[in-house]
Amino acid sequence: MQVVTNAFSYIIDMGASVMMPIIFTILGLVMGAKFGEALRAGMTFGVGFIGLNAVIGIMSSTITPVAQALVDNLNFPLTTIDVGWAAGSAIAWSTEAVPFVFLAVIITNIIMIALGWTKTMDVDIWNYWHVLFSASAILLVCKGTALAWVFAIGQAVLMMGIIFIVADWTQADCVEVFGLDGISLPHIQSMCNCIVTYPLDKLLGMIPGVKDIHWTSEGIVEKLGLLGEPIMMGFIIGGFLSALSQFTAPEVNVGTAIQQILIVGMNIAAVLVLIPRMVALLMEGLMPISEMTQAFLEKRFPGRELYIGLDAAVATGHPFVISLGLLAIPIILVEAVILPWNTVLPLADLAALPFYVICAVLPNKGNLFRGLIEVIIMCIIYLTFSTYAGTVMTNLAGAANLTVPEGAAQLSNIALGAQWITWFPFMLAKMVCL
């Protein structure tokens, strides 16, 4: 078993920037492309993915110290520390559930495509960690019994089956809003939240006054001119967050504060300009593969359509995704303090919030006003389930030899709250097993 787990770890550790070019090259060859064409498409996708991750890394390294300073200055009395999605992923990929859940998800996807239950061909294997984590949690609380394995694998199949359907359901909007032609997003932590935001957006569209407010990117640029362009939005939002962190400190050096505000503002401005360009490069590599796939299907299965399922990172090219994610930082910090049941101190995953607000951009076709309202609601859900996940995350971290930071009672992350649907099968398994 350890050999199999190590083999999976070897592949996963190479990362999407290495494995995706290999996957797309093979897929292109299967679809009838020449080797050179398939390799070029795969390599271009990989280069775009590296560029996208590099820019997201700039955002993370810029925003994380700002968020840390804000948290330190305000001295929030919360005892469950958000250690970030990467810690959850590392735990999930290190457990005995990996080979069984991995194969179960792939088989589920193949069967659903064959039966016409989904059009999404999920190649985003790295984010299988979402259901791997919940499977590992079930095995932990149910002590690895045969029934626990049934629940663990069953919930993975059910949750991924649901997200394949959600990915199909939202694909047309992904084309309209993000320009992702032939692509869907079977990413649980980003897309399961559409189950909430689509009905919520419909409700907002019925409220007098609210339904008439349209803060679209085009409308904002038209009304505000230069101030409404992504480069200036990034500078203003980044500068605002930096100012919050600087001027809430017990002692303020005005010169240093202004310096930091300008640095953070420029870095975030760069992020909002560069991410769409990296996504465009990524799409340049992806589109030939997508077109080959559709041509292959049309020739052999007339009328059938297939979407390539990718990481939600490809949706971050829309300026409102990053903008909403940044504006969500003060929102979720305020909610963390005022929600009486919350124990989670948002920290490491604050830089990942753009991934968790995609659901607030899609249903309203990029209406920033409605998106803000939906983000306020979703952040409450994220904190609630992150708090619930704290105990099991801490126990799994102990099994994986991860240490709890000094002063923290438990570990969790916002990512686990964003995959809230996976906790319902966990609750059921816990009731049955115990």
Protein backbone atom coordinates (compact mmCIF):
# COMPACT_ATOMS: atom_id res chain seq x y z
CA MET A 1 0.00 0.00 0.00
CA GLN A 2 2.85 2.38 0.85
CA VAL A 3 4.37 1.82 -2.60
CA VAL A 4 1.08 2.80 -4.27
CA THR A 5 0.72 5.87 -2.05
CA ASN A 6 4.31 6.89 -2.82
CA ALA A 7 3.65 6.50 -6.55
CA PHE A 8 0.65 8.84 -6.33
CA SER A 9 2.69 11.30 -4.27
CA TYR A 10 5.46 11.22 -6.90
CA ILE A 11 3.01 12.18 -9.66
CA ILE A 12 1.20 14.80 -7.58
CA ASP A 13 4.47 16.37 -6.40
CA MET A 14 5.45 17.14 -10.00
CA GLY A 15 2.54 19.55 -10.05
CA ALA A 16 0.12 20.66 -12.74
CA SER A 17 2.77 22.66 -14.59
CA VAL A 18 4.58 19.41 -15.45
CA MET A 19 1.78 16.86 -15.57
CA MET A 20 -0.79 18.93 -17.49
CA PRO A 21 1.48 19.31 -20.57
CA ILE A 22 1.99 15.53 -20.48
CA ILE A 23 -1.76 14.90 -20.10
CA PHE A 24 -2.69 17.34 -22.88
CA THR A 25 0.00 16.01 -25.23
CA ILE A 26 -1.34 12.47 -24.78
CA LEU A 27 -4.93 13.70 -25.13
CA GLY A 28 -4.03 15.55 -28.34
CA LEU A 29 -2.44 12.41 -29.81
CA VAL A 30 -5.52 10.35 -28.90
CA MET A 31 -7.70 12.95 -30.64
CA GLY A 32 -5.65 12.64 -33.84
CA ALA A 33 -3.23 15.57 -33.60
CA LYS A 34 0.33 15.42 -34.87
CA PHE A 35 2.92 14.99 -32.14
CA GLY A 36 4.38 18.48 -32.69
CA GLU A 37 0.96 20.14 -32.48
CA ALA A 38 -0.03 18.23 -29.35
CA LEU A 39 3.32 18.90 -27.66
CA ARG A 40 3.23 22.61 -28.50
CA ALA A 41 -0.30 22.94 -27.11
CA GLY A 42 0.60 21.06 -23.94
CA MET A 43 3.81 23.04 -23.38
CA THR A 44 2.04 26.36 -23.98
CA PHE A 45 -0.60 25.41 -21.41
CA GLY A 46 2.13 24.48 -18.93
CA VAL A 47 3.97 27.77 -19.45
CA GLY A 48 0.71 29.67 -18.98
CA PHE A 49 -0.01 27.73 -15.80
CA ILE A 50 3.47 28.50 -14.42
CA GLY A 51 2.94 32.18 -15.24
CA LEU A 52 -0.49 32.19 -13.61
CA ASN A 53 0.85 30.55 -10.46
CA ALA A 54 3.75 33.02 -10.38
CA VAL A 55 1.36 35.99 -10.46
CA ILE A 56 -0.91 34.40 -7.85
CA GLY A 57 2.26 33.88 -5.80
CA ILE A 58 2.97 37.62 -6.04
CA MET A 59 -0.55 38.33 -4.79
CA SER A 60 -0.17 35.84 -1.94
CA SER A 61 3.24 37.15 -0.84
CA THR A 62 1.87 40.71 -0.95
CA ILE A 63 -1.46 40.16 0.79
CA THR A 64 -0.43 37.61 3.45
CA PRO A 65 1.80 40.05 5.41
CA VAL A 66 -0.92 42.71 5.14
CA ALA A 67 -3.52 40.30 6.52
CA GLN A 68 -1.12 39.09 9.23
CA ALA A 69 -0.44 42.68 10.33
CA LEU A 70 -4.16 43.46 10.39
CA VAL A 71 -4.87 40.38 12.51
CA ASP A 72 -1.98 41.15 14.88
CA ASN A 73 -3.00 44.79 15.27
CA LEU A 74 -6.61 43.98 16.09
CA ASN A 75 -5.70 41.06 18.40
CA PHE A 76 -8.64 38.84 17.47
CA PRO A 77 -9.57 36.43 20.31
CA LEU A 78 -9.87 33.32 18.11
CA THR A 79 -8.21 29.98 18.85
CA THR A 80 -8.54 27.94 15.63
CA ILE A 81 -5.81 28.98 13.19
CA ASP A 82 -6.34 29.00 9.43
CA VAL A 83 -3.18 27.25 8.19
CA GLY A 84 -4.19 27.36 4.52
CA TRP A 85 -5.45 24.98 1.84
CA ALA A 86 -1.95 23.62 1.15
CA ALA A 87 -1.83 22.01 4.60
CA GLY A 88 -5.19 20.34 3.95
CA SER A 89 -4.02 19.12 0.55
CA ALA A 90 -0.79 17.71 2.00
CA ILE A 91 -2.75 15.80 4.64
CA ALA A 92 -5.27 14.47 2.10
CA TRP A 93 -2.61 13.18 -0.30
CA SER A 94 -0.73 11.38 2.49
CA THR A 95 -3.51 9.07 3.71
CA GLU A 96 -4.36 5.46 2.89
CA ALA A 97 -7.54 6.60 1.11
CA VAL A 98 -5.62 8.01 -1.88
CA PRO A 99 -5.53 5.11 -4.40
CA PHE A 100 -9.11 3.98 -3.72
CA VAL A 101 -10.73 7.41 -3.84
CA PHE A 102 -8.60 8.48 -6.81
CA LEU A 103 -9.67 5.48 -8.90
CA ALA A 104 -13.29 5.76 -7.74
CA VAL A 105 -13.48 9.38 -8.93
CA ILE A 106 -11.90 8.60 -12.32
CA ILE A 107 -14.23 5.63 -12.87
CA THR A 108 -17.22 7.75 -11.84
CA ASN A 109 -16.27 10.43 -14.36
CA ILE A 110 -15.84 7.87 -17.17
CA ILE A 111 -19.17 6.18 -16.41
CA MET A 112 -21.06 9.50 -16.21
CA ILE A 113 -19.59 10.63 -19.54
CA ALA A 114 -20.41 7.28 -21.18
CA LEU A 115 -24.01 7.41 -19.92
CA GLY A 116 -24.43 11.04 -20.93
CA TRP A 117 -24.88 12.20 -17.32
CA THR A 118 -22.10 14.77 -17.65
CA LYS A 119 -20.16 16.52 -20.38
CA THR A 120 -17.22 17.30 -18.10
CA MET A 121 -13.98 15.34 -18.56
CA ASP A 122 -12.12 16.22 -15.38
CA VAL A 123 -8.33 16.41 -15.82
CA ASP A 124 -7.85 18.48 -12.66
CA ILE A 125 -6.67 15.52 -10.58
CA TRP A 126 -4.81 17.66 -8.03
CA ASN A 127 -8.06 19.00 -6.62
CA TYR A 128 -9.33 15.51 -5.89
CA TRP A 129 -7.87 16.37 -2.49
CA HIS A 130 -11.21 17.98 -1.60
CA VAL A 131 -12.95 14.59 -1.43
CA LEU A 132 -9.78 12.84 -0.30
CA PHE A 133 -9.78 15.01 2.81
CA SER A 134 -13.41 14.25 3.67
CA ALA A 135 -12.78 10.54 2.97
CA SER A 136 -9.80 10.61 5.33
CA ALA A 137 -11.93 12.38 7.95
CA ILE A 138 -14.56 9.62 7.75
CA LEU A 139 -11.92 6.90 8.07
CA LEU A 140 -10.50 8.69 11.10
CA VAL A 141 -13.74 9.11 13.07
CA CYS A 142 -15.09 5.69 12.05
CA LYS A 143 -11.78 3.98 12.85
CA GLY A 144 -11.24 2.49 9.38
CA THR A 145 -14.04 -0.09 9.54
CA ALA A 146 -15.52 -1.67 6.41
CA LEU A 147 -18.56 0.60 6.77
CA ALA A 148 -16.22 3.59 7.04
CA TRP A 149 -14.62 2.66 3.71
CA VAL A 150 -18.07 2.42 2.10
CA PHE A 151 -18.94 5.89 3.37
CA ALA A 152 -15.52 7.32 2.46
CA ILE A 153 -15.56 6.12 -1.15
CA GLY A 154 -19.31 6.64 -1.50
CA GLN A 155 -19.15 10.29 -0.47
CA ALA A 156 -16.28 10.89 -2.92
CA VAL A 157 -18.32 9.43 -5.77
CA LEU A 158 -21.44 11.38 -4.75
CA MET A 159 -19.68 14.72 -4.21
CA MET A 160 -17.71 14.53 -7.46
CA GLY A 161 -20.83 13.39 -9.32
CA ILE A 162 -22.62 16.49 -8.02
CA ILE A 163 -19.76 18.81 -8.95
CA PHE A 164 -19.57 17.35 -12.49
CA ILE A 165 -23.25 18.24 -12.91
CA VAL A 166 -22.72 21.72 -11.40
CA ALA A 167 -19.77 22.21 -13.77
CA ASP A 168 -22.03 21.37 -16.74
CA TRP A 169 -24.80 23.61 -15.41
CA THR A 170 -22.52 26.65 -15.03
CA GLN A 171 -20.45 26.11 -18.19
CA ALA A 172 -22.49 28.46 -20.38
CA ASP A 173 -21.97 31.24 -17.84
CA CYS A 174 -18.25 30.41 -17.70
CA VAL A 175 -18.14 31.08 -21.44
CA GLU A 176 -20.13 34.33 -21.17
CA VAL A 177 -18.38 35.76 -18.09
CA PHE A 178 -14.87 34.29 -18.24
CA GLY A 179 -14.53 33.39 -21.93
CA LEU A 180 -13.81 29.73 -21.12
CA ASP A 181 -15.11 28.14 -24.30
CA GLY A 182 -15.14 24.33 -24.09
CA ILE A 183 -14.03 24.40 -20.45
CA SER A 184 -15.90 23.67 -17.22
CA LEU A 185 -14.83 24.01 -13.58
CA PRO A 186 -15.33 20.80 -11.54
CA HIS A 187 -13.65 22.45 -8.54
CA ILE A 188 -15.64 21.75 -5.36
CA GLN A 189 -14.30 24.61 -3.24
CA SER A 190 -15.13 27.15 -5.94
CA MET A 191 -18.23 25.75 -7.62
CA CYS A 192 -20.32 23.91 -5.01
CA ASN A 193 -21.12 27.37 -3.66
CA CYS A 194 -23.07 28.12 -6.85
CA ILE A 195 -25.79 25.95 -5.30
CA VAL A 196 -26.29 28.87 -2.90
CA THR A 197 -25.35 31.92 -4.97
CA TYR A 198 -27.54 31.23 -8.01
CA PRO A 199 -30.81 31.09 -6.01
CA LEU A 200 -29.58 34.01 -3.88
CA ASP A 201 -28.86 36.06 -6.99
CA LYS A 202 -32.31 35.25 -8.34
CA LEU A 203 -33.78 36.52 -5.05
CA LEU A 204 -31.72 39.72 -5.24
CA GLY A 205 -33.04 40.21 -8.75
CA MET A 206 -36.58 40.42 -7.32
CA ILE A 207 -35.87 43.11 -4.71
CA PRO A 208 -36.91 46.63 -5.80
CA GLY A 209 -33.94 48.96 -5.99
CA VAL A 210 -31.37 46.19 -5.66
CA LYS A 211 -32.36 44.60 -8.97
CA ASP A 212 -31.66 47.86 -10.79
CA ILE A 213 -28.07 48.27 -9.56
CA HIS A 214 -25.54 47.01 -12.10
CA TRP A 215 -21.87 47.51 -11.25
CA THR A 216 -20.33 45.74 -14.24
CA SER A 217 -16.70 46.14 -15.28
CA GLU A 218 -17.77 47.95 -18.46
CA GLY A 219 -20.19 50.21 -16.56
CA ILE A 220 -17.61 51.10 -13.92
CA VAL A 221 -15.02 52.01 -16.57
CA GLU A 222 -17.64 54.09 -18.40
CA LYS A 223 -18.58 56.02 -15.23
CA LEU A 224 -15.19 56.28 -13.53
CA GLY A 225 -12.86 56.29 -16.51
CA LEU A 226 -9.28 55.49 -15.52
CA LEU A 227 -10.29 54.82 -11.89
CA GLY A 228 -12.54 51.99 -13.06
CA GLU A 229 -9.87 50.15 -15.04
CA PRO A 230 -8.38 46.95 -13.52
CA ILE A 231 -4.95 48.53 -13.04
CA MET A 232 -6.41 51.35 -10.92
CA MET A 233 -8.88 49.08 -9.12
CA GLY A 234 -5.96 46.89 -8.08
CA PHE A 235 -3.95 49.89 -6.89
CA ILE A 236 -6.87 51.34 -4.92
CA ILE A 237 -7.97 48.06 -3.30
CA GLY A 238 -4.38 47.01 -2.51
CA GLY A 239 -3.59 50.44 -1.10
CA PHE A 240 -6.78 50.43 0.97
CA LEU A 241 -5.99 47.05 2.55
CA SER A 242 -2.41 48.13 3.24
CA ALA A 243 -3.65 51.38 4.82
CA LEU A 244 -5.94 49.37 7.10
CA SER A 245 -3.02 47.24 8.26
CA GLN A 246 -0.70 50.24 8.70
CA PHE A 247 -3.01 52.63 10.52
CA THR A 248 -4.47 50.06 12.94
CA ALA A 249 -0.98 49.52 14.41
CA PRO A 250 -0.33 50.87 17.95
CA GLU A 251 2.45 53.06 16.57
CA VAL A 252 2.42 54.49 13.06
CA ASN A 253 5.39 55.77 11.08
CA VAL A 254 3.68 57.82 8.40
CA GLY A 255 6.61 57.69 5.99
CA THR A 256 6.89 53.89 6.22
CA ALA A 257 3.10 53.53 6.02
CA ILE A 258 2.89 55.53 2.80
CA GLN A 259 5.78 53.53 1.36
CA GLN A 260 4.05 50.22 2.12
CA ILE A 261 0.70 51.45 0.80
CA LEU A 262 2.30 52.36 -2.53
CA ILE A 263 4.22 49.06 -2.76
CA VAL A 264 1.16 46.92 -2.01
CA GLY A 265 -1.01 49.02 -4.32
CA MET A 266 1.41 48.60 -7.23
CA ASN A 267 1.81 44.86 -6.64
CA ILE A 268 -1.95 44.28 -6.65
CA ALA A 269 -2.32 46.53 -9.71
CA ALA A 270 0.24 44.31 -11.44
CA VAL A 271 -1.71 41.20 -10.41
CA LEU A 272 -4.96 42.49 -11.94
CA VAL A 273 -3.17 43.31 -15.20
CA LEU A 274 -0.98 40.20 -15.46
CA ILE A 275 -3.44 37.45 -14.47
CA PRO A 276 -5.71 37.94 -17.53
CA ARG A 277 -2.61 37.79 -19.75
CA MET A 278 -1.42 34.56 -18.17
CA VAL A 279 -4.90 33.07 -18.54
CA ALA A 280 -4.87 34.12 -22.21
CA LEU A 281 -1.56 32.26 -22.69
CA LEU A 282 -2.96 29.23 -20.91
CA MET A 283 -6.04 29.33 -23.16
CA GLU A 284 -3.80 29.62 -26.24
CA GLY A 285 -2.45 26.16 -25.42
CA LEU A 286 -5.79 24.75 -24.36
CA MET A 287 -8.00 25.79 -27.27
CA PRO A 288 -6.37 23.52 -29.91
CA ILE A 289 -6.87 20.53 -27.59
CA SER A 290 -10.48 21.55 -26.92
CA GLU A 291 -11.18 21.95 -30.64
CA MET A 292 -9.56 18.58 -31.44
CA THR A 293 -11.68 16.93 -28.75
CA GLN A 294 -14.92 18.40 -30.12
CA ALA A 295 -13.98 17.42 -33.70
CA PHE A 296 -13.13 13.88 -32.54
CA LEU A 297 -16.50 13.54 -30.78
CA GLU A 298 -18.49 15.04 -33.65
CA LYS A 299 -16.92 12.55 -36.06
CA ARG A 300 -17.52 9.45 -33.93
CA PHE A 301 -20.48 10.49 -31.77
CA PRO A 302 -22.51 13.13 -33.65
CA GLY A 303 -24.31 15.53 -31.33
CA ARG A 304 -22.13 14.74 -28.30
CA GLU A 305 -20.24 17.53 -26.55
CA LEU A 306 -17.40 17.32 -24.05
CA TYR A 307 -15.96 19.98 -21.76
CA ILE A 308 -12.42 19.85 -20.38
CA GLY A 309 -12.66 20.19 -16.60
CA LEU A 310 -9.94 22.43 -15.15
CA ASP A 311 -8.84 24.14 -11.95
CA ALA A 312 -10.84 27.28 -11.13
CA ALA A 313 -7.59 29.27 -11.44
CA VAL A 314 -8.48 29.76 -15.12
CA ALA A 315 -11.45 31.92 -14.01
CA THR A 316 -9.27 34.41 -12.13
CA GLY A 317 -8.67 36.37 -15.33
CA HIS A 318 -11.88 38.35 -14.71
CA PRO A 319 -10.99 41.55 -12.80
CA PHE A 320 -13.95 41.20 -10.43
CA VAL A 321 -12.80 37.76 -9.25
CA ILE A 322 -9.57 39.19 -7.85
CA SER A 323 -11.25 42.44 -6.73
CA LEU A 324 -14.01 40.61 -4.85
CA GLY A 325 -11.48 38.23 -3.34
CA LEU A 326 -9.49 41.16 -1.96
CA LEU A 327 -12.59 42.98 -0.70
CA ALA A 328 -13.64 39.74 1.01
CA ILE A 329 -10.60 39.99 3.32
CA PRO A 330 -11.99 42.72 5.63
CA ILE A 331 -15.47 41.20 5.28
CA ILE A 332 -14.45 37.74 6.52
CA LEU A 333 -12.25 39.20 9.29
CA VAL A 334 -15.15 41.27 10.65
CA GLU A 335 -17.50 38.28 10.43
CA ALA A 336 -14.94 36.07 12.18
CA VAL A 337 -15.12 38.36 15.21
CA ILE A 338 -18.87 39.02 15.33
CA LEU A 339 -20.17 35.49 14.63
CA PRO A 340 -20.66 34.00 18.12
CA TRP A 341 -20.09 30.39 17.01
CA ASN A 342 -16.94 31.03 14.99
CA THR A 343 -13.53 30.08 16.39
CA VAL A 344 -11.47 30.32 13.17
CA LEU A 345 -8.95 33.11 12.71
CA PRO A 346 -8.74 33.60 8.91
CA LEU A 347 -5.12 33.92 7.89
CA ALA A 348 -3.29 31.71 5.38
CA ASP A 349 -6.31 31.25 3.08
CA LEU A 350 -7.06 34.98 2.84
CA ALA A 351 -4.89 35.07 -0.28
CA ALA A 352 -6.97 32.22 -1.74
CA LEU A 353 -10.30 34.03 -1.34
CA PRO A 354 -10.51 34.88 -5.08
CA PHE A 355 -11.08 31.15 -5.69
CA TYR A 356 -13.95 31.10 -3.21
CA VAL A 357 -15.74 34.14 -4.66
CA ILE A 358 -15.98 32.90 -8.26
CA CYS A 359 -19.44 31.69 -7.27
CA ALA A 360 -20.40 35.33 -6.57
CA VAL A 361 -19.34 36.57 -10.01
CA LEU A 362 -20.94 33.90 -12.23
CA PRO A 363 -24.69 34.13 -11.45
CA ASN A 364 -24.90 37.92 -11.87
CA LYS A 365 -22.61 37.98 -14.94
CA GLY A 366 -20.04 40.17 -13.19
CA ASN A 367 -22.25 42.56 -11.19
CA LEU A 368 -19.93 43.75 -8.39
CA PHE A 369 -22.80 45.04 -6.22
CA ARG A 370 -24.65 41.73 -6.08
CA GLY A 371 -21.34 39.92 -5.84
CA LEU A 372 -20.48 41.79 -2.63
CA ILE A 373 -23.80 40.82 -1.06
CA GLU A 374 -23.30 37.19 -2.04
CA VAL A 375 -19.73 37.21 -0.69
CA ILE A 376 -21.01 38.44 2.69
CA ILE A 377 -23.39 35.46 2.87
CA MET A 378 -20.86 32.92 1.60
CA CYS A 379 -18.16 34.01 4.06
CA ILE A 380 -20.56 33.21 6.92
CA ILE A 381 -20.95 29.69 5.49
CA TYR A 382 -17.19 29.31 5.05
CA LEU A 383 -16.46 30.31 8.65
CA THR A 384 -19.22 28.08 10.03
CA PHE A 385 -17.94 24.93 8.33
CA SER A 386 -14.28 25.84 8.88
CA THR A 387 -15.05 25.94 12.59
CA TYR A 388 -16.82 22.58 12.35
CA ALA A 389 -13.81 21.09 10.52
CA GLY A 390 -11.33 22.26 13.15
CA THR A 391 -11.34 19.15 15.34
CA VAL A 392 -10.94 16.64 12.51
CA MET A 393 -8.31 18.80 10.75
CA THR A 394 -6.31 18.95 13.98
CA ASN A 395 -6.54 15.18 14.49
CA LEU A 396 -5.56 14.43 10.89
CA ALA A 397 -2.69 16.91 11.17
CA GLY A 398 -1.47 15.05 14.25
CA ALA A 399 -1.57 11.76 12.33
CA ALA A 400 0.47 13.44 9.57
CA ASN A 401 2.97 14.80 12.14
CA LEU A 402 2.04 18.46 11.55
CA THR A 403 2.46 20.62 14.64
CA VAL A 404 -0.15 23.01 16.01
CA PRO A 405 1.23 26.59 16.17
CA GLU A 406 1.84 28.02 19.64
CA GLY A 407 -1.28 29.69 21.04
CA ALA A 408 -3.66 27.75 18.80
CA ALA A 409 -6.13 25.23 20.17
CA GLN A 410 -6.96 23.78 16.75
CA LEU A 411 -6.10 23.94 13.04
CA SER A 412 -8.45 24.52 10.13
CA ASN A 413 -8.64 26.50 6.90
CA ILE A 414 -11.18 28.48 4.90
CA ALA A 415 -10.86 25.96 2.06
CA LEU A 416 -12.55 23.29 4.19
CA GLY A 417 -15.42 25.69 4.83
CA ALA A 418 -15.70 26.39 1.10
CA GLN A 419 -16.25 22.67 0.44
CA TRP A 420 -19.15 22.66 2.90
CA ILE A 421 -21.19 20.08 0.98
CA THR A 422 -18.61 17.38 1.77
CA TRP A 423 -19.26 17.74 5.50
CA PHE A 424 -22.85 16.47 5.27
CA PRO A 425 -21.79 12.90 4.29
CA PHE A 426 -19.18 13.16 7.06
CA MET A 427 -21.89 14.05 9.59
CA LEU A 428 -24.03 11.11 8.42
CA ALA A 429 -21.10 8.69 8.61
CA LYS A 430 -20.24 9.94 12.09
CA MET A 431 -23.82 9.38 13.28
CA VAL A 432 -23.96 5.86 11.83
CA CYS A 433 -20.48 4.76 12.94
CA LEU A 434 -20.73 6.15 16.44
